[in-house]
Amino acid sequence: MPRIRTIKPEFPQSETIGKLSRDARLLFVQLWTLCDDEGRTRAASRMLASLLYPYDEDAPSLIDGWLDELEREGCVVRYVVEGSTYLQVNNWLKHQKIDRPTKSRLPVVSEGSRLLANTREDASTDLGPRTMDQDLGPRTNAAPVGAPRDARPGELDLGHAEAAKPQRPDPETELFRRGREVLGKSAGGVISQLLKAKGKPELARAAVEVAATKENPREYIGAIIRGNVEEDRPRGAIL
């Protein structure tokens, strides 16, 4: 049930809030009206879009990105319990003063239930930016790979022709590329965790393909990471 909430005057001056896009800031404030007195709410993205942005047709496609922003900056935590997605506002009592709080009926977040736990992984494990942002296509203004340093584009030595052939992206690069298509630009940490859970890029890629057919791909992959879902296989897959 929606609730009347307050906004403190210092809210706009917060450095954390200043790091958010204007759309994410608006979502953060609107989430408060859905949260119970302990700062929790159900958080399926399609449901949130329909409740908070009933007149904005593009909201369902954008809201996951805004939620990612809020989570990256430590404003909220999303988690899944028994297949349902929930959200906890961090530092809830700093944002709201509740005179007679009613005990929450929603489950408490735990480290094992977090949907995007440790999305900011260190450089040794977060492979997303290093792989997905590569330019895998041919370059028109540079000498092809394997050409002599003084060779101009189009003047490749025949001895290096084999090395200059377009290389097929490795399975891990393809995994992150496809993961970004399905989950959005901030998918790197989630895909890194999925890769750890599955062990092989091709197995993780198969899970991403199935996730693309789900109503909430991120929730499905989160359940795989935690081992809480019986996976499907894409048609024709031989693993």
C-alpha atoms as a PDB file:
ATOM      1  CA  MET A   1       0.000   0.000   0.000  1.00  0.00           C
ATOM      2  CA  PRO A   2       1.488   3.423  -0.970  1.00  0.00           C
ATOM      3  CA  ARG A   3       2.513   5.654   1.936  1.00  0.00           C
ATOM      4  CA  ILE A   4       3.099   9.355   2.489  1.00  0.00           C
ATOM      5  CA  ARG A   5       6.837   9.986   2.897  1.00  0.00           C
ATOM      6  CA  THR A   6       9.014  13.042   3.431  1.00  0.00           C
ATOM      7  CA  ILE A   7      12.162  14.378   1.703  1.00  0.00           C
ATOM      8  CA  LYS A   8      14.774  16.098   3.822  1.00  0.00           C
ATOM      9  CA  PRO A   9      16.044  19.476   2.554  1.00  0.00           C
ATOM     10  CA  GLU A  10      19.634  18.201   2.435  1.00  0.00           C
ATOM     11  CA  PHE A  11      18.716  15.335   0.103  1.00  0.00           C
ATOM     12  CA  PRO A  12      19.722  17.188  -3.122  1.00  0.00           C
ATOM     13  CA  GLN A  13      23.123  18.149  -1.635  1.00  0.00           C
ATOM     14  CA  SER A  14      24.122  14.566  -0.814  1.00  0.00           C
ATOM     15  CA  GLU A  15      27.273  13.519  -2.701  1.00  0.00           C
ATOM     16  CA  THR A  16      25.879  10.022  -3.144  1.00  0.00           C
ATOM     17  CA  ILE A  17      22.659  11.354  -4.621  1.00  0.00           C
ATOM     18  CA  GLY A  18      24.688  13.695  -6.831  1.00  0.00           C
ATOM     19  CA  LYS A  19      26.322  10.679  -8.499  1.00  0.00           C
ATOM     20  CA  LEU A  20      22.944   9.418  -9.680  1.00  0.00           C
ATOM     21  CA  SER A  21      21.219  10.407 -12.887  1.00  0.00           C
ATOM     22  CA  ARG A  22      18.113  12.559 -12.469  1.00  0.00           C
ATOM     23  CA  ASP A  23      15.924   9.609 -13.451  1.00  0.00           C
ATOM     24  CA  ALA A  24      17.514   7.388 -10.797  1.00  0.00           C
ATOM     25  CA  ARG A  25      17.029  10.087  -8.156  1.00  0.00           C
ATOM     26  CA  LEU A  26      13.336  10.310  -8.986  1.00  0.00           C
ATOM     27  CA  LEU A  27      12.992   6.530  -8.819  1.00  0.00           C
ATOM     28  CA  PHE A  28      14.730   6.476  -5.421  1.00  0.00           C
ATOM     29  CA  VAL A  29      12.263   8.961  -3.937  1.00  0.00           C
ATOM     30  CA  GLN A  30       9.270   7.243  -5.503  1.00  0.00           C
ATOM     31  CA  LEU A  31      10.384   3.886  -4.099  1.00  0.00           C
ATOM     32  CA  TRP A  32       9.961   5.294  -0.601  1.00  0.00           C
ATOM     33  CA  THR A  33       6.206   5.546  -1.172  1.00  0.00           C
ATOM     34  CA  LEU A  34       6.056   1.795  -1.802  1.00  0.00           C
ATOM     35  CA  CYS A  35       8.364   0.729   1.033  1.00  0.00           C
ATOM     36  CA  ASP A  36       6.972  -0.485   4.325  1.00  0.00           C
ATOM     37  CA  ASP A  37       8.078   1.009   7.651  1.00  0.00           C
ATOM     38  CA  GLU A  38      11.328  -0.981   7.569  1.00  0.00           C
ATOM     39  CA  GLY A  39      12.260   0.188   4.090  1.00  0.00           C
ATOM     40  CA  ARG A  40      11.334  -2.948   2.129  1.00  0.00           C
ATOM     41  CA  THR A  41       9.157  -3.471  -0.917  1.00  0.00           C
ATOM     42  CA  ARG A  42       8.520  -6.002  -3.653  1.00  0.00           C
ATOM     43  CA  ALA A  43      10.762  -5.098  -6.557  1.00  0.00           C
ATOM     44  CA  ALA A  44       9.936  -6.900  -9.792  1.00  0.00           C
ATOM     45  CA  SER A  45      10.923  -4.274 -12.348  1.00  0.00           C
ATOM     46  CA  ARG A  46       7.738  -4.563 -14.448  1.00  0.00           C
ATOM     47  CA  MET A  47       5.600  -4.116 -11.351  1.00  0.00           C
ATOM     48  CA  LEU A  48       7.593  -1.066 -10.241  1.00  0.00           C
ATOM     49  CA  ALA A  49       7.306   0.478 -13.698  1.00  0.00           C
ATOM     50  CA  SER A  50       3.535   0.025 -13.757  1.00  0.00           C
ATOM     51  CA  LEU A  51       3.061   1.482 -10.257  1.00  0.00           C
ATOM     52  CA  LEU A  52       5.524   4.375 -10.406  1.00  0.00           C
ATOM     53  CA  TYR A  53       5.462   5.309 -14.103  1.00  0.00           C
ATOM     54  CA  PRO A  54       1.917   4.535 -15.319  1.00  0.00           C
ATOM     55  CA  TYR A  55       2.096   7.186 -18.076  1.00  0.00           C
ATOM     56  CA  ASP A  56       5.611   6.464 -19.362  1.00  0.00           C
ATOM     57  CA  GLU A  57       5.705   3.780 -22.049  1.00  0.00           C
ATOM     58  CA  ASP A  58       9.514   3.576 -22.005  1.00  0.00           C
ATOM     59  CA  ALA A  59       9.783   3.035 -18.229  1.00  0.00           C
ATOM     60  CA  PRO A  60       9.719  -0.809 -18.337  1.00  0.00           C
ATOM     61  CA  SER A  61      12.800  -0.811 -20.581  1.00  0.00           C
ATOM     62  CA  LEU A  62      14.681   1.785 -18.506  1.00  0.00           C
ATOM     63  CA  ILE A  63      13.874   0.979 -14.896  1.00  0.00           C
ATOM     64  CA  ASP A  64      16.426  -1.838 -14.542  1.00  0.00           C
ATOM     65  CA  GLY A  65      19.189   0.607 -15.460  1.00  0.00           C
ATOM     66  CA  TRP A  66      17.993   3.083 -12.826  1.00  0.00           C
ATOM     67  CA  LEU A  67      17.837   0.318 -10.223  1.00  0.00           C
ATOM     68  CA  ASP A  68      21.376  -0.695 -11.156  1.00  0.00           C
ATOM     69  CA  GLU A  69      22.513   2.884 -10.502  1.00  0.00           C
ATOM     70  CA  LEU A  70      20.867   2.922  -7.090  1.00  0.00           C
ATOM     71  CA  GLU A  71      22.460  -0.386  -6.167  1.00  0.00           C
ATOM     72  CA  ARG A  72      25.919   0.611  -7.392  1.00  0.00           C
ATOM     73  CA  GLU A  73      25.841   3.721  -5.216  1.00  0.00           C
ATOM     74  CA  GLY A  74      24.679   1.745  -2.172  1.00  0.00           C
ATOM     75  CA  CYS A  75      21.204   3.305  -2.017  1.00  0.00           C
ATOM     76  CA  VAL A  76      19.308   0.008  -2.239  1.00  0.00           C
ATOM     77  CA  VAL A  77      19.845  -3.737  -2.182  1.00  0.00           C
ATOM     78  CA  ARG A  78      17.823  -6.119  -4.350  1.00  0.00           C
ATOM     79  CA  TYR A  79      17.377  -9.735  -3.311  1.00  0.00           C
ATOM     80  CA  VAL A  80      15.336 -12.810  -4.159  1.00  0.00           C
ATOM     81  CA  VAL A  81      13.530 -15.083  -1.725  1.00  0.00           C
ATOM     82  CA  GLU A  82      11.606 -18.119  -3.010  1.00  0.00           C
ATOM     83  CA  GLY A  83      11.539 -16.714  -6.521  1.00  0.00           C
ATOM     84  CA  SER A  84      10.196 -13.258  -5.616  1.00  0.00           C
ATOM     85  CA  THR A  85      12.301 -10.094  -5.931  1.00  0.00           C
ATOM     86  CA  TYR A  86      12.472  -7.609  -3.068  1.00  0.00           C
ATOM     87  CA  LEU A  87      14.275  -4.352  -2.366  1.00  0.00           C
ATOM     88  CA  GLN A  88      15.693  -2.867   0.835  1.00  0.00           C
ATOM     89  CA  VAL A  89      16.485   0.847   1.081  1.00  0.00           C
ATOM     90  CA  ASN A  90      19.816   1.253   2.852  1.00  0.00           C
ATOM     91  CA  ASN A  91      19.992   3.667   5.805  1.00  0.00           C
ATOM     92  CA  TRP A  92      16.219   3.794   5.758  1.00  0.00           C
ATOM     93  CA  LEU A  93      15.859   5.618   9.083  1.00  0.00           C
ATOM     94  CA  LYS A  94      18.181   8.371   7.844  1.00  0.00           C
ATOM     95  CA  HIS A  95      15.736   9.059   5.039  1.00  0.00           C
ATOM     96  CA  GLN A  96      12.485   8.604   6.966  1.00  0.00           C
ATOM     97  CA  LYS A  97      11.296   9.222  10.514  1.00  0.00           C
ATOM     98  CA  ILE A  98       8.668   6.634  11.401  1.00  0.00           C
ATOM     99  CA  ASP A  99       6.703   7.489  14.552  1.00  0.00           C
ATOM    100  CA  ARG A 100       4.838   4.231  15.002  1.00  0.00           C
ATOM    101  CA  PRO A 101       6.523   1.708  12.716  1.00  0.00           C
ATOM    102  CA  THR A 102       4.650  -1.393  11.651  1.00  0.00           C
ATOM    103  CA  LYS A 103       6.740  -4.553  11.501  1.00  0.00           C
ATOM    104  CA  SER A 104       7.555  -5.611   7.958  1.00  0.00           C
ATOM    105  CA  ARG A 105       5.894  -8.697   6.536  1.00  0.00           C
ATOM    106  CA  LEU A 106       8.559  -9.040   3.840  1.00  0.00           C
ATOM    107  CA  PRO A 107      11.629 -11.273   4.204  1.00  0.00           C
ATOM    108  CA  VAL A 108      14.910  -9.790   5.411  1.00  0.00           C
ATOM    109  CA  VAL A 109      17.800  -9.455   2.980  1.00  0.00           C
ATOM    110  CA  SER A 110      20.736 -11.814   3.517  1.00  0.00           C
ATOM    111  CA  GLU A 111      24.057 -12.073   1.696  1.00  0.00           C
ATOM    112  CA  GLY A 112      22.977 -15.338   0.114  1.00  0.00           C
ATOM    113  CA  SER A 113      19.757 -13.853  -1.245  1.00  0.00           C
ATOM    114  CA  ARG A 114      21.247 -10.753  -2.870  1.00  0.00           C
ATOM    115  CA  LEU A 115      20.497 -10.614  -6.556  1.00  0.00           C
ATOM    116  CA  LEU A 116      23.505  -8.507  -7.553  1.00  0.00           C
ATOM    117  CA  ALA A 117      25.909  -9.236  -4.734  1.00  0.00           C
ATOM    118  CA  ASN A 118      29.449  -7.964  -5.342  1.00  0.00           C
ATOM    119  CA  THR A 119      28.694  -6.400  -8.715  1.00  0.00           C
ATOM    120  CA  ARG A 120      31.727  -4.182  -8.224  1.00  0.00           C
ATOM    121  CA  GLU A 121      34.318  -6.903  -8.293  1.00  0.00           C
ATOM    122  CA  ASP A 122      38.035  -6.251  -8.501  1.00  0.00           C
ATOM    123  CA  ALA A 123      39.914  -6.211 -11.785  1.00  0.00           C
ATOM    124  CA  SER A 124      40.919  -9.864 -11.538  1.00  0.00           C
ATOM    125  CA  THR A 125      37.306 -11.042 -11.748  1.00  0.00           C
ATOM    126  CA  ASP A 126      35.270  -8.263 -13.350  1.00  0.00           C
ATOM    127  CA  LEU A 127      35.837  -9.073 -16.999  1.00  0.00           C
ATOM    128  CA  GLY A 128      32.947  -7.097 -18.394  1.00  0.00           C
ATOM    129  CA  PRO A 129      34.612  -3.785 -19.351  1.00  0.00           C
ATOM    130  CA  ARG A 130      37.730  -5.475 -20.705  1.00  0.00           C
ATOM    131  CA  THR A 131      35.841  -7.824 -22.993  1.00  0.00           C
ATOM    132  CA  MET A 132      32.521  -6.283 -23.922  1.00  0.00           C
ATOM    133  CA  ASP A 133      33.960  -2.866 -24.784  1.00  0.00           C
ATOM    134  CA  GLN A 134      36.501  -4.196 -27.255  1.00  0.00           C
ATOM    135  CA  ASP A 135      36.144  -3.211 -30.905  1.00  0.00           C
ATOM    136  CA  LEU A 136      35.960  -6.632 -32.495  1.00  0.00           C
ATOM    137  CA  GLY A 137      35.385  -5.382 -36.016  1.00  0.00           C
ATOM    138  CA  PRO A 138      38.004  -4.463 -38.618  1.00  0.00           C
ATOM    139  CA  ARG A 139      39.692  -1.090 -38.290  1.00  0.00           C
ATOM    140  CA  THR A 140      39.844   1.069 -41.367  1.00  0.00           C
ATOM    141  CA  ASN A 141      42.435   3.596 -40.174  1.00  0.00           C
ATOM    142  CA  ALA A 142      45.052   1.270 -38.747  1.00  0.00           C
ATOM    143  CA  ALA A 143      47.313  -1.455 -40.061  1.00  0.00           C
ATOM    144  CA  PRO A 144      45.816  -4.968 -39.676  1.00  0.00           C
ATOM    145  CA  VAL A 145      47.049  -7.201 -36.879  1.00  0.00           C
ATOM    146  CA  GLY A 146      50.230  -8.948 -37.946  1.00  0.00           C
ATOM    147  CA  ALA A 147      51.271  -6.363 -40.543  1.00  0.00           C
ATOM    148  CA  PRO A 148      54.763  -4.817 -40.445  1.00  0.00           C
ATOM    149  CA  ARG A 149      54.894  -1.602 -38.420  1.00  0.00           C
ATOM    150  CA  ASP A 150      55.612   0.534 -41.494  1.00  0.00           C
ATOM    151  CA  ALA A 151      52.910  -1.090 -43.630  1.00  0.00           C
ATOM    152  CA  ARG A 152      49.952   1.059 -44.612  1.00  0.00           C
ATOM    153  CA  PRO A 153      46.374  -0.136 -44.511  1.00  0.00           C
ATOM    154  CA  GLY A 154      45.685  -2.192 -47.616  1.00  0.00           C
ATOM    155  CA  GLU A 155      49.405  -2.956 -48.186  1.00  0.00           C
ATOM    156  CA  LEU A 156      49.661  -6.068 -46.044  1.00  0.00           C
ATOM    157  CA  ASP A 157      52.628  -8.346 -46.741  1.00  0.00           C
ATOM    158  CA  LEU A 158      51.455 -11.713 -48.041  1.00  0.00           C
ATOM    159  CA  GLY A 159      53.583 -13.388 -45.401  1.00  0.00           C
ATOM    160  CA  HIS A 160      51.306 -11.913 -42.749  1.00  0.00           C
ATOM    161  CA  ALA A 161      47.993 -12.512 -44.518  1.00  0.00           C
ATOM    162  CA  GLU A 162      47.100 -15.464 -42.318  1.00  0.00           C
ATOM    163  CA  ALA A 163      47.672 -13.496 -39.147  1.00  0.00           C
ATOM    164  CA  ALA A 164      45.541 -10.641 -40.452  1.00  0.00           C
ATOM    165  CA  LYS A 165      42.437 -12.762 -41.027  1.00  0.00           C
ATOM    166  CA  PRO A 166      39.537 -11.706 -38.791  1.00  0.00           C
ATOM    167  CA  GLN A 167      39.723 -13.757 -35.622  1.00  0.00           C
ATOM    168  CA  ARG A 168      36.586 -15.327 -34.243  1.00  0.00           C
ATOM    169  CA  PRO A 169      35.845 -13.901 -30.775  1.00  0.00           C
ATOM    170  CA  ASP A 170      36.679 -16.323 -27.982  1.00  0.00           C
ATOM    171  CA  PRO A 171      33.773 -17.879 -26.021  1.00  0.00           C
ATOM    172  CA  GLU A 172      34.307 -15.648 -22.993  1.00  0.00           C
ATOM    173  CA  THR A 173      34.192 -12.466 -25.059  1.00  0.00           C
ATOM    174  CA  GLU A 174      31.012 -13.669 -26.738  1.00  0.00           C
ATOM    175  CA  LEU A 175      29.506 -14.491 -23.333  1.00  0.00           C
ATOM    176  CA  PHE A 176      29.981 -10.933 -22.084  1.00  0.00           C
ATOM    177  CA  ARG A 177      28.818  -9.433 -25.381  1.00  0.00           C
ATOM    178  CA  ARG A 178      25.611 -11.447 -25.330  1.00  0.00           C
ATOM    179  CA  GLY A 179      25.153 -10.843 -21.600  1.00  0.00           C
ATOM    180  CA  ARG A 180      25.257  -7.134 -22.219  1.00  0.00           C
ATOM    181  CA  GLU A 181      22.620  -7.426 -24.926  1.00  0.00           C
ATOM    182  CA  VAL A 182      20.266  -9.344 -22.620  1.00  0.00           C
ATOM    183  CA  LEU A 183      20.901  -7.573 -19.295  1.00  0.00           C
ATOM    184  CA  GLY A 184      22.072  -4.097 -20.306  1.00  0.00           C
ATOM    185  CA  LYS A 185      25.282  -2.105 -19.970  1.00  0.00           C
ATOM    186  CA  SER A 186      25.850  -2.915 -16.277  1.00  0.00           C
ATOM    187  CA  ALA A 187      25.830  -6.689 -16.760  1.00  0.00           C
ATOM    188  CA  GLY A 188      29.576  -7.264 -16.298  1.00  0.00           C
ATOM    189  CA  GLY A 189      29.513  -8.201 -12.611  1.00  0.00           C
ATOM    190  CA  VAL A 190      26.476 -10.465 -12.967  1.00  0.00           C
ATOM    191  CA  ILE A 191      27.990 -12.299 -15.928  1.00  0.00           C
ATOM    192  CA  SER A 192      31.295 -12.713 -14.045  1.00  0.00           C
ATOM    193  CA  GLN A 193      29.396 -14.420 -11.224  1.00  0.00           C
ATOM    194  CA  LEU A 194      27.464 -16.575 -13.697  1.00  0.00           C
ATOM    195  CA  LEU A 195      30.733 -17.644 -15.316  1.00  0.00           C
ATOM    196  CA  LYS A 196      32.103 -18.648 -11.910  1.00  0.00           C
ATOM    197  CA  ALA A 197      28.936 -20.607 -11.155  1.00  0.00           C
ATOM    198  CA  LYS A 198      28.902 -22.461 -14.488  1.00  0.00           C
ATOM    199  CA  GLY A 199      32.657 -22.977 -14.899  1.00  0.00           C
ATOM    200  CA  LYS A 200      32.722 -22.706 -18.696  1.00  0.00           C
ATOM    201  CA  PRO A 201      31.833 -19.749 -20.947  1.00  0.00           C
ATOM    202  CA  GLU A 202      29.727 -21.899 -23.249  1.00  0.00           C
ATOM    203  CA  LEU A 203      27.599 -23.145 -20.331  1.00  0.00           C
ATOM    204  CA  ALA A 204      27.133 -19.612 -19.031  1.00  0.00           C
ATOM    205  CA  ARG A 205      26.248 -18.439 -22.546  1.00  0.00           C
ATOM    206  CA  ALA A 206      23.542 -21.111 -22.768  1.00  0.00           C
ATOM    207  CA  ALA A 207      22.064 -19.838 -19.494  1.00  0.00           C
ATOM    208  CA  VAL A 208      22.071 -16.279 -20.870  1.00  0.00           C
ATOM    209  CA  GLU A 209      20.222 -17.442 -24.002  1.00  0.00           C
ATOM    210  CA  VAL A 210      17.511 -19.036 -21.865  1.00  0.00           C
ATOM    211  CA  ALA A 211      17.375 -15.913 -19.677  1.00  0.00           C
ATOM    212  CA  ALA A 212      16.644 -13.852 -22.792  1.00  0.00           C
ATOM    213  CA  THR A 213      13.326 -15.692 -23.105  1.00  0.00           C
ATOM    214  CA  LYS A 214      12.272 -14.953 -19.516  1.00  0.00           C
ATOM    215  CA  GLU A 215      10.133 -12.083 -18.326  1.00  0.00           C
ATOM    216  CA  ASN A 216      12.894 -11.005 -15.925  1.00  0.00           C
ATOM    217  CA  PRO A 217      16.280 -12.213 -17.292  1.00  0.00           C
ATOM    218  CA  ARG A 218      18.298 -10.710 -14.426  1.00  0.00           C
ATOM    219  CA  GLU A 219      16.200 -12.452 -11.800  1.00  0.00           C
ATOM    220  CA  TYR A 220      16.553 -15.781 -13.638  1.00  0.00           C
ATOM    221  CA  ILE A 221      20.349 -15.479 -13.829  1.00  0.00           C
ATOM    222  CA  GLY A 222      20.500 -14.424 -10.187  1.00  0.00           C
ATOM    223  CA  ALA A 223      18.661 -17.616  -9.242  1.00  0.00           C
ATOM    224  CA  ILE A 224      21.156 -19.670 -11.285  1.00  0.00           C
ATOM    225  CA  ILE A 225      24.067 -18.033  -9.470  1.00  0.00           C
ATOM    226  CA  ARG A 226      22.543 -18.980  -6.134  1.00  0.00           C
ATOM    227  CA  GLY A 227      21.634 -22.476  -7.371  1.00  0.00           C
ATOM    228  CA  ASN A 228      17.937 -21.910  -6.740  1.00  0.00           C
ATOM    229  CA  VAL A 229      16.556 -22.727 -10.183  1.00  0.00           C
ATOM    230  CA  GLU A 230      16.262 -25.780 -12.390  1.00  0.00           C
ATOM    231  CA  GLU A 231      17.679 -24.596 -15.677  1.00  0.00           C
ATOM    232  CA  ASP A 232      16.227 -24.963 -19.124  1.00  0.00           C
ATOM    233  CA  ARG A 233      18.322 -25.399 -22.224  1.00  0.00           C
ATOM    234  CA  PRO A 234      17.962 -23.432 -25.418  1.00  0.00           C
ATOM    235  CA  ARG A 235      16.530 -25.420 -28.291  1.00  0.00           C
ATOM    236  CA  GLY A 236      19.134 -27.342 -30.222  1.00  0.00           C
ATOM    237  CA  ALA A 237      21.796 -26.845 -27.571  1.00  0.00           C
ATOM    238  CA  ILE A 238      24.293 -29.677 -27.228  1.00  0.00           C
ATOM    239  CA  LEU A 239      26.346 -29.180 -24.082  1.00  0.00           C
END
